[in-house]
Protein backbone atom coordinates (compact mmCIF):
# COMPACT_ATOMS: atom_id res chain seq x y z
CA MET A 1 0.02 0.06 -0.08
CA SER A 2 1.30 3.26 -0.88
CA ILE A 3 1.92 6.22 1.56
CA SER A 4 -1.06 8.40 -0.13
CA GLN A 5 -3.44 5.20 0.26
CA LYS A 6 -2.28 4.90 3.97
CA LEU A 7 -3.27 8.47 4.41
CA ASP A 8 -6.32 8.62 2.36
CA ALA A 9 -8.29 7.23 5.38
CA ILE A 10 -7.23 9.85 7.72
CA SER A 11 -8.80 13.48 7.34
CA LEU A 12 -6.00 15.95 7.25
CA PRO A 13 -5.38 19.43 6.08
CA PRO A 14 -3.33 19.59 3.13
CA GLY A 15 -0.21 21.15 4.72
CA LEU A 16 -0.16 18.56 7.36
CA ARG A 17 -0.98 15.74 4.91
CA THR A 18 2.22 16.82 2.87
CA LYS A 19 4.34 17.00 6.02
CA MET A 20 3.29 13.66 7.16
CA GLN A 21 3.68 12.09 3.74
CA ASN A 22 7.30 13.17 3.73
CA HIS A 23 7.85 11.67 7.22
CA LEU A 24 6.39 8.30 6.11
CA SER A 25 8.19 8.45 2.85
CA ARG A 26 11.56 8.99 4.92
CA LEU A 27 10.64 5.82 6.94
CA SER A 28 10.00 3.83 3.77
CA ARG A 29 13.25 4.88 2.37
CA ALA A 30 15.56 4.16 5.35
CA GLU A 31 18.83 2.66 4.31
CA ASP A 32 19.60 0.98 7.93
CA MET A 33 18.20 0.54 11.21
CA HIS A 34 19.83 3.61 12.41
CA GLY A 35 18.43 5.70 9.66
CA LEU A 36 14.86 4.06 10.37
CA GLN A 37 15.09 4.79 14.17
CA LEU A 38 15.90 8.31 13.47
CA ALA A 39 13.10 8.77 10.69
CA GLN A 40 10.69 7.12 13.16
CA ALA A 41 11.55 9.45 16.18
CA ARG A 42 11.31 12.46 13.83
CA ALA A 43 7.73 11.27 12.38
CA GLU A 44 6.69 10.61 15.85
CA GLY A 45 7.93 14.06 17.21
CA PHE A 46 6.02 15.67 14.33
CA VAL A 47 2.66 13.82 15.30
CA GLU A 48 3.56 14.90 18.91
CA GLY A 49 3.78 18.57 18.07
CA VAL A 50 0.48 18.29 16.21
CA GLU A 51 -0.96 16.83 19.11
CA ALA A 52 0.45 19.49 21.48
CA ALA A 53 -1.12 22.22 19.24
CA ARG A 54 -4.47 20.63 19.51
CA ALA A 55 -4.62 20.75 15.68
CA LEU A 56 -6.26 17.52 15.24
CA THR A 57 -8.78 15.25 17.08
CA PRO A 58 -7.35 12.65 19.51
CA ALA A 59 -8.57 9.90 17.10
CA THR A 60 -6.72 11.37 14.14
CA ILE A 61 -3.68 11.85 16.35
CA GLU A 62 -3.98 8.15 17.12
CA ALA A 63 -4.40 7.04 13.67
CA LEU A 64 -1.19 9.12 12.64
CA PHE A 65 0.85 7.39 15.37
CA ILE A 66 -0.43 3.81 14.04
CA ALA A 67 0.34 4.94 10.52
CA VAL A 68 4.11 5.83 11.64
CA GLU A 69 4.25 2.44 13.65
CA VAL A 70 3.10 0.41 10.65
CA ALA A 71 5.42 2.15 8.22
CA ALA A 72 8.50 1.49 10.65
CA ILE A 73 7.41 -2.10 11.11
CA ASP A 74 7.15 -2.65 7.35
CA ARG A 75 10.56 -1.21 6.64
CA ARG A 76 12.08 -2.94 9.63
CA GLN A 77 10.97 -6.26 8.13
CA VAL A 78 12.70 -5.24 4.81
CA LEU A 79 15.93 -4.22 6.38
CA THR A 80 16.16 -7.48 8.64
CA PRO A 81 15.00 -10.25 6.16
CA GLY A 82 14.50 -13.63 7.71
CA ARG A 83 13.31 -12.30 11.00
CA PRO A 84 9.56 -13.10 12.16
CA SER A 85 7.11 -10.42 12.14
CA SER A 86 6.21 -8.56 15.31
CA ARG A 87 3.39 -6.79 13.43
CA THR A 88 0.00 -8.11 14.81
CA CYS A 89 -2.50 -5.98 12.69
């Protein structure tokens, strides 16, 4: 599923959607585990900032955190082939 498709189910203002797409893209392009951890921390920090600003509903914030987590898990599986999945959803 593409990054745009992952965000289609989440109602976001255009500016926030673009920023979130950029963060998810960075996650999907991480070249190693260190890069993945950095990209995940930055994406989560962005979502925390949006949450602190009360710019979105709690349900939307939760959906963004889940999108970041799923993207990180997906990339982690690519970077560590042969390891069992820890993804339960």
